[in-house]
Amino acid sequence: HLAVNGETVGEVADAFNRYNQTRVAITSDAINRQKLVGYFRIDDPRAFADAVATSFGGSVENTSEGLTIVPRSK
């Protein structure tokens, strides 16, 4: 498990990428800089990506490299 207390989305995504073959990428600097508090299973990058997307107005796209969090278009 990964306990998060004030780290940015980008920092936590980097941690997930160190431990998983499924890569997590964020295309929005605004989402990337958001601070997180939570508890995540380090072996479940999809749950992390879904939580970030839901919390910060994004969506998750499956790509050949893994999961990409993108901002929702308005």
PDB file of N, CA and C in Angstrom:
ATOM      1  N   HIS A   1       0.832  -1.194   0.000  1.00  0.00           N
ATOM      2  CA  HIS A   1       0.000   0.000   0.000  1.00  0.00           C
ATOM      3  C   HIS A   1       0.872   1.252   0.000  1.00  0.00           C
ATOM      4  N   LEU A   2       0.269   2.337  -0.447  1.00  0.00           N
ATOM      5  CA  LEU A   2       0.974   3.605  -0.520  1.00  0.00           C
ATOM      6  C   LEU A   2       0.144   4.657   0.213  1.00  0.00           C
ATOM      7  N   ALA A   3       0.693   5.174   1.310  1.00  0.00           N
ATOM      8  CA  ALA A   3       0.033   6.245   2.062  1.00  0.00           C
ATOM      9  C   ALA A   3       0.509   7.575   1.501  1.00  0.00           C
ATOM     10  N   VAL A   4      -0.445   8.442   1.171  1.00  0.00           N
ATOM     11  CA  VAL A   4      -0.144   9.731   0.555  1.00  0.00           C
ATOM     12  C   VAL A   4      -0.679  10.829   1.462  1.00  0.00           C
ATOM     13  N   ASN A   5       0.180  11.813   1.765  1.00  0.00           N
ATOM     14  CA  ASN A   5      -0.237  12.898   2.652  1.00  0.00           C
ATOM     15  C   ASN A   5       0.354  14.221   2.165  1.00  0.00           C
ATOM     16  N   GLY A   6      -0.251  14.775   1.114  1.00  0.00           N
ATOM     17  CA  GLY A   6       0.172  16.072   0.614  1.00  0.00           C
ATOM     18  C   GLY A   6       1.109  16.043  -0.573  1.00  0.00           C
ATOM     19  N   GLU A   7       1.471  14.861  -1.065  1.00  0.00           N
ATOM     20  CA  GLU A   7       2.292  14.791  -2.270  1.00  0.00           C
ATOM     21  C   GLU A   7       1.440  15.192  -3.477  1.00  0.00           C
ATOM     22  N   THR A   8       2.109  15.587  -4.554  1.00  0.00           N
ATOM     23  CA  THR A   8       1.370  15.947  -5.761  1.00  0.00           C
ATOM     24  C   THR A   8       0.982  14.690  -6.542  1.00  0.00           C
ATOM     25  N   VAL A   9      -0.007  14.856  -7.412  1.00  0.00           N
ATOM     26  CA  VAL A   9      -0.428  13.754  -8.282  1.00  0.00           C
ATOM     27  C   VAL A   9       0.777  13.240  -9.068  1.00  0.00           C
ATOM     28  N   GLY A  10       1.603  14.156  -9.578  1.00  0.00           N
ATOM     29  CA  GLY A  10       2.777  13.745 -10.345  1.00  0.00           C
ATOM     30  C   GLY A  10       3.752  12.905  -9.542  1.00  0.00           C
ATOM     31  N   GLU A  11       3.974  13.287  -8.301  1.00  0.00           N
ATOM     32  CA  GLU A  11       4.881  12.518  -7.438  1.00  0.00           C
ATOM     33  C   GLU A  11       4.338  11.119  -7.170  1.00  0.00           C
ATOM     34  N   VAL A  12       3.040  11.041  -6.934  1.00  0.00           N
ATOM     35  CA  VAL A  12       2.434   9.732  -6.650  1.00  0.00           C
ATOM     36  C   VAL A  12       2.414   8.879  -7.919  1.00  0.00           C
ATOM     37  N   ALA A  13       2.146   9.493  -9.064  1.00  0.00           N
ATOM     38  CA  ALA A  13       2.188   8.748 -10.331  1.00  0.00           C
ATOM     39  C   ALA A  13       3.583   8.174 -10.556  1.00  0.00           C
ATOM     40  N   ASP A  14       4.619   8.949 -10.246  1.00  0.00           N
ATOM     41  CA  ASP A  14       5.992   8.442 -10.375  1.00  0.00           C
ATOM     42  C   ASP A  14       6.212   7.215  -9.503  1.00  0.00           C
ATOM     43  N   ALA A  15       5.663   7.225  -8.288  1.00  0.00           N
ATOM     44  CA  ALA A  15       5.787   6.060  -7.402  1.00  0.00           C
ATOM     45  C   ALA A  15       5.090   4.846  -8.013  1.00  0.00           C
ATOM     46  N   PHE A  16       3.887   5.036  -8.541  1.00  0.00           N
ATOM     47  CA  PHE A  16       3.193   3.923  -9.195  1.00  0.00           C
ATOM     48  C   PHE A  16       4.010   3.402 -10.371  1.00  0.00           C
ATOM     49  N   ASN A  17       4.616   4.289 -11.122  1.00  0.00           N
ATOM     50  CA  ASN A  17       5.388   3.874 -12.297  1.00  0.00           C
ATOM     51  C   ASN A  17       6.651   3.107 -11.925  1.00  0.00           C
ATOM     52  N   ARG A  18       7.179   3.337 -10.729  1.00  0.00           N
ATOM     53  CA  ARG A  18       8.344   2.560 -10.283  1.00  0.00           C
ATOM     54  C   ARG A  18       7.981   1.113  -9.969  1.00  0.00           C
ATOM     55  N   TYR A  19       6.734   0.864  -9.581  1.00  0.00           N
ATOM     56  CA  TYR A  19       6.340  -0.457  -9.093  1.00  0.00           C
ATOM     57  C   TYR A  19       5.447  -1.251 -10.048  1.00  0.00           C
ATOM     58  N   ASN A  20       5.058  -0.670 -11.184  1.00  0.00           N
ATOM     59  CA  ASN A  20       4.105  -1.347 -12.071  1.00  0.00           C
ATOM     60  C   ASN A  20       4.541  -1.253 -13.525  1.00  0.00           C
ATOM     61  N   GLN A  21       4.166  -2.273 -14.295  1.00  0.00           N
ATOM     62  CA  GLN A  21       4.401  -2.225 -15.736  1.00  0.00           C
ATOM     63  C   GLN A  21       3.406  -1.297 -16.417  1.00  0.00           C
ATOM     64  N   THR A  22       2.198  -1.176 -15.875  1.00  0.00           N
ATOM     65  CA  THR A  22       1.208  -0.256 -16.413  1.00  0.00           C
ATOM     66  C   THR A  22       1.599   1.152 -15.989  1.00  0.00           C
ATOM     67  N   ARG A  23       1.942   1.992 -16.954  1.00  0.00           N
ATOM     68  CA  ARG A  23       2.405   3.350 -16.685  1.00  0.00           C
ATOM     69  C   ARG A  23       1.216   4.289 -16.496  1.00  0.00           C
ATOM     70  N   VAL A  24       1.364   5.264 -15.620  1.00  0.00           N
ATOM     71  CA  VAL A  24       0.364   6.302 -15.422  1.00  0.00           C
ATOM     72  C   VAL A  24       0.971   7.621 -15.883  1.00  0.00           C
ATOM     73  N   ALA A  25       0.293   8.297 -16.812  1.00  0.00           N
ATOM     74  CA  ALA A  25       0.743   9.590 -17.318  1.00  0.00           C
ATOM     75  C   ALA A  25      -0.375  10.605 -17.100  1.00  0.00           C
ATOM     76  N   ILE A  26       0.008  11.861 -16.918  1.00  0.00           N
ATOM     77  CA  ILE A  26      -0.955  12.944 -16.725  1.00  0.00           C
ATOM     78  C   ILE A  26      -0.643  14.015 -17.760  1.00  0.00           C
ATOM     79  N   THR A  27      -1.644  14.407 -18.558  1.00  0.00           N
ATOM     80  CA  THR A  27      -1.397  15.392 -19.615  1.00  0.00           C
ATOM     81  C   THR A  27      -1.635  16.823 -19.156  1.00  0.00           C
ATOM     82  N   SER A  28      -2.205  17.005 -17.992  1.00  0.00           N
ATOM     83  CA  SER A  28      -2.544  18.341 -17.508  1.00  0.00           C
ATOM     84  C   SER A  28      -1.616  18.756 -16.370  1.00  0.00           C
ATOM     85  N   ASP A  29      -0.927  19.893 -16.538  1.00  0.00           N
ATOM     86  CA  ASP A  29      -0.086  20.402 -15.457  1.00  0.00           C
ATOM     87  C   ASP A  29      -0.926  20.739 -14.225  1.00  0.00           C
ATOM     88  N   ALA A  30      -2.148  21.239 -14.453  1.00  0.00           N
ATOM     89  CA  ALA A  30      -3.015  21.599 -13.327  1.00  0.00           C
ATOM     90  C   ALA A  30      -3.343  20.369 -12.490  1.00  0.00           C
ATOM     91  N   ILE A  31      -3.663  19.252 -13.129  1.00  0.00           N
ATOM     92  CA  ILE A  31      -3.935  18.009 -12.388  1.00  0.00           C
ATOM     93  C   ILE A  31      -2.643  17.496 -11.772  1.00  0.00           C
ATOM     94  N   ASN A  32      -1.567  17.538 -12.509  1.00  0.00           N
ATOM     95  CA  ASN A  32      -0.275  17.034 -12.041  1.00  0.00           C
ATOM     96  C   ASN A  32       0.177  17.694 -10.739  1.00  0.00           C
ATOM     97  N   ARG A  33      -0.167  18.967 -10.553  1.00  0.00           N
ATOM     98  CA  ARG A  33       0.270  19.723  -9.372  1.00  0.00           C
ATOM     99  C   ARG A  33      -0.680  19.608  -8.175  1.00  0.00           C
ATOM    100  N   GLN A  34      -1.835  18.981  -8.364  1.00  0.00           N
ATOM    101  CA  GLN A  34      -2.793  18.853  -7.256  1.00  0.00           C
ATOM    102  C   GLN A  34      -2.188  18.018  -6.132  1.00  0.00           C
ATOM    103  N   LYS A  35      -2.501  18.379  -4.915  1.00  0.00           N
ATOM    104  CA  LYS A  35      -2.018  17.626  -3.741  1.00  0.00           C
ATOM    105  C   LYS A  35      -3.029  16.538  -3.386  1.00  0.00           C
ATOM    106  N   LEU A  36      -2.508  15.405  -2.948  1.00  0.00           N
ATOM    107  CA  LEU A  36      -3.339  14.251  -2.604  1.00  0.00           C
ATOM    108  C   LEU A  36      -3.178  13.865  -1.142  1.00  0.00           C
ATOM    109  N   VAL A  37      -4.240  13.310  -0.613  1.00  0.00           N
ATOM    110  CA  VAL A  37      -4.216  12.635   0.681  1.00  0.00           C
ATOM    111  C   VAL A  37      -5.020  11.363   0.484  1.00  0.00           C
ATOM    112  N   GLY A  38      -4.456  10.235   0.831  1.00  0.00           N
ATOM    113  CA  GLY A  38      -5.197   8.992   0.663  1.00  0.00           C
ATOM    114  C   GLY A  38      -4.324   7.780   0.878  1.00  0.00           C
ATOM    115  N   TYR A  39      -4.913   6.648   0.590  1.00  0.00           N
ATOM    116  CA  TYR A  39      -4.277   5.356   0.797  1.00  0.00           C
ATOM    117  C   TYR A  39      -4.582   4.518  -0.431  1.00  0.00           C
ATOM    118  N   PHE A  40      -3.568   4.113  -1.174  1.00  0.00           N
ATOM    119  CA  PHE A  40      -3.757   3.405  -2.434  1.00  0.00           C
ATOM    120  C   PHE A  40      -3.018   2.078  -2.423  1.00  0.00           C
ATOM    121  N   ARG A  41      -3.588   1.108  -3.113  1.00  0.00           N
ATOM    122  CA  ARG A  41      -2.874  -0.151  -3.337  1.00  0.00           C
ATOM    123  C   ARG A  41      -1.845   0.097  -4.422  1.00  0.00           C
ATOM    124  N   ILE A  42      -0.590  -0.089  -4.114  1.00  0.00           N
ATOM    125  CA  ILE A  42       0.482   0.205  -5.055  1.00  0.00           C
ATOM    126  C   ILE A  42       0.416  -0.689  -6.291  1.00  0.00           C
ATOM    127  N   ASP A  43      -0.256  -1.837  -6.184  1.00  0.00           N
ATOM    128  CA  ASP A  43      -0.369  -2.747  -7.329  1.00  0.00           C
ATOM    129  C   ASP A  43      -1.642  -2.513  -8.142  1.00  0.00           C
ATOM    130  N   ASP A  44      -2.321  -1.373  -7.933  1.00  0.00           N
ATOM    131  CA  ASP A  44      -3.561  -1.086  -8.655  1.00  0.00           C
ATOM    132  C   ASP A  44      -3.527   0.332  -9.248  1.00  0.00           C
ATOM    133  N   PRO A  45      -2.716   0.528 -10.301  1.00  0.00           N
ATOM    134  CA  PRO A  45      -2.616   1.860 -10.881  1.00  0.00           C
ATOM    135  C   PRO A  45      -3.941   2.357 -11.466  1.00  0.00           C
ATOM    136  N   ARG A  46      -4.809   1.448 -11.897  1.00  0.00           N
ATOM    137  CA  ARG A  46      -6.102   1.868 -12.455  1.00  0.00           C
ATOM    138  C   ARG A  46      -6.957   2.547 -11.390  1.00  0.00           C
ATOM    139  N   ALA A  47      -6.995   1.992 -10.194  1.00  0.00           N
ATOM    140  CA  ALA A  47      -7.784   2.609  -9.117  1.00  0.00           C
ATOM    141  C   ALA A  47      -7.231   3.999  -8.782  1.00  0.00           C
ATOM    142  N   PHE A  48      -5.919   4.136  -8.766  1.00  0.00           N
ATOM    143  CA  PHE A  48      -5.300   5.447  -8.531  1.00  0.00           C
ATOM    144  C   PHE A  48      -5.701   6.426  -9.630  1.00  0.00           C
ATOM    145  N   ALA A  49      -5.555   6.020 -10.888  1.00  0.00           N
ATOM    146  CA  ALA A  49      -5.887   6.897 -12.014  1.00  0.00           C
ATOM    147  C   ALA A  49      -7.359   7.294 -11.978  1.00  0.00           C
ATOM    148  N   ASP A  50      -8.242   6.340 -11.691  1.00  0.00           N
ATOM    149  CA  ASP A  50      -9.680   6.649 -11.604  1.00  0.00           C
ATOM    150  C   ASP A  50      -9.965   7.637 -10.480  1.00  0.00           C
ATOM    151  N   ALA A  51      -9.315   7.459  -9.334  1.00  0.00           N
ATOM    152  CA  ALA A  51      -9.538   8.363  -8.198  1.00  0.00           C
ATOM    153  C   ALA A  51      -9.070   9.779  -8.526  1.00  0.00           C
ATOM    154  N   VAL A  52      -7.925   9.898  -9.169  1.00  0.00           N
ATOM    155  CA  VAL A  52      -7.411  11.212  -9.552  1.00  0.00           C
ATOM    156  C   VAL A  52      -8.348  11.871 -10.561  1.00  0.00           C
ATOM    157  N   ALA A  53      -8.750  11.120 -11.568  1.00  0.00           N
ATOM    158  CA  ALA A  53      -9.634  11.673 -12.595  1.00  0.00           C
ATOM    159  C   ALA A  53     -10.953  12.145 -11.991  1.00  0.00           C
ATOM    160  N   THR A  54     -11.525  11.350 -11.123  1.00  0.00           N
ATOM    161  CA  THR A  54     -12.787  11.717 -10.479  1.00  0.00           C
ATOM    162  C   THR A  54     -12.614  12.940  -9.587  1.00  0.00           C
ATOM    163  N   SER A  55     -11.528  13.002  -8.858  1.00  0.00           N
ATOM    164  CA  SER A  55     -11.307  14.094  -7.906  1.00  0.00           C
ATOM    165  C   SER A  55     -10.990  15.425  -8.575  1.00  0.00           C
ATOM    166  N   PHE A  56     -10.324  15.386  -9.727  1.00  0.00           N
ATOM    167  CA  PHE A  56      -9.811  16.622 -10.312  1.00  0.00           C
ATOM    168  C   PHE A  56     -10.339  16.904 -11.713  1.00  0.00           C
ATOM    169  N   GLY A  57     -11.494  16.345 -12.048  1.00  0.00           N
ATOM    170  CA  GLY A  57     -12.151  16.701 -13.296  1.00  0.00           C
ATOM    171  C   GLY A  57     -11.481  16.174 -14.547  1.00  0.00           C
ATOM    172  N   GLY A  58     -11.039  14.951 -14.491  1.00  0.00           N
ATOM    173  CA  GLY A  58     -10.396  14.353 -15.658  1.00  0.00           C
ATOM    174  C   GLY A  58     -11.066  13.059 -16.049  1.00  0.00           C
ATOM    175  N   SER A  59     -10.469  12.388 -16.996  1.00  0.00           N
ATOM    176  CA  SER A  59     -10.904  11.052 -17.370  1.00  0.00           C
ATOM    177  C   SER A  59      -9.650  10.228 -17.658  1.00  0.00           C
ATOM    178  N   VAL A  60      -9.823   8.925 -17.684  1.00  0.00           N
ATOM    179  CA  VAL A  60      -8.692   8.019 -17.902  1.00  0.00           C
ATOM    180  C   VAL A  60      -8.832   7.379 -19.272  1.00  0.00           C
ATOM    181  N   GLU A  61      -7.775   7.461 -20.044  1.00  0.00           N
ATOM    182  CA  GLU A  61      -7.735   6.817 -21.351  1.00  0.00           C
ATOM    183  C   GLU A  61      -6.722   5.683 -21.318  1.00  0.00           C
ATOM    184  N   ASN A  62      -7.089   4.558 -21.933  1.00  0.00           N
ATOM    185  CA  ASN A  62      -6.149   3.449 -22.089  1.00  0.00           C
ATOM    186  C   ASN A  62      -5.298   3.730 -23.318  1.00  0.00           C
ATOM    187  N   THR A  63      -3.988   3.609 -23.160  1.00  0.00           N
ATOM    188  CA  THR A  63      -3.070   3.804 -24.283  1.00  0.00           C
ATOM    189  C   THR A  63      -2.158   2.595 -24.381  1.00  0.00           C
ATOM    190  N   SER A  64      -1.361   2.560 -25.426  1.00  0.00           N
ATOM    191  CA  SER A  64      -0.438   1.429 -25.577  1.00  0.00           C
ATOM    192  C   SER A  64       0.609   1.415 -24.472  1.00  0.00           C
ATOM    193  N   GLU A  65       0.886   2.589 -23.863  1.00  0.00           N
ATOM    194  CA  GLU A  65       1.868   2.669 -22.781  1.00  0.00           C
ATOM    195  C   GLU A  65       1.254   2.410 -21.404  1.00  0.00           C
ATOM    196  N   GLY A  66      -0.055   2.541 -21.281  1.00  0.00           N
ATOM    197  CA  GLY A  66      -0.692   2.346 -19.979  1.00  0.00           C
ATOM    198  C   GLY A  66      -1.950   3.177 -19.843  1.00  0.00           C
ATOM    199  N   LEU A  67      -1.978   4.028 -18.815  1.00  0.00           N
ATOM    200  CA  LEU A  67      -3.150   4.851 -18.503  1.00  0.00           C
ATOM    201  C   LEU A  67      -2.761   6.315 -18.566  1.00  0.00           C
ATOM    202  N   THR A  68      -3.580   7.109 -19.238  1.00  0.00           N
ATOM    203  CA  THR A  68      -3.322   8.540 -19.330  1.00  0.00           C
ATOM    204  C   THR A  68      -4.504   9.290 -18.742  1.00  0.00           C
ATOM    205  N   ILE A  69      -4.222  10.152 -17.780  1.00  0.00           N
ATOM    206  CA  ILE A  69      -5.246  10.990 -17.168  1.00  0.00           C
ATOM    207  C   ILE A  69      -5.274  12.302 -17.947  1.00  0.00           C
ATOM    208  N   VAL A  70      -6.438  12.624 -18.499  1.00  0.00           N
ATOM    209  CA  VAL A  70      -6.592  13.841 -19.297  1.00  0.00           C
ATOM    210  C   VAL A  70      -7.711  14.694 -18.693  1.00  0.00           C
ATOM    211  N   PRO A  71      -7.628  16.020 -18.836  1.00  0.00           N
ATOM    212  CA  PRO A  71      -8.718  16.848 -18.344  1.00  0.00           C
ATOM    213  C   PRO A  71      -9.957  16.641 -19.201  1.00  0.00           C
ATOM    214  N   ARG A  72     -11.125  16.727 -18.597  1.00  0.00           N
ATOM    215  CA  ARG A  72     -12.361  16.634 -19.357  1.00  0.00           C
ATOM    216  C   ARG A  72     -12.516  17.891 -20.189  1.00  0.00           C
ATOM    217  N   SER A  73     -12.951  17.708 -21.428  1.00  0.00           N
ATOM    218  CA  SER A  73     -13.205  18.885 -22.259  1.00  0.00           C
ATOM    219  C   SER A  73     -14.515  19.532 -21.818  1.00  0.00           C
ATOM    220  N   LYS A  74     -14.548  20.838 -21.907  1.00  0.00           N
ATOM    221  CA  LYS A  74     -15.717  21.569 -21.421  1.00  0.00           C
ATOM    222  C   LYS A  74     -16.707  21.804 -22.519  1.00  0.00           C
TER     223      LYS A  74
END
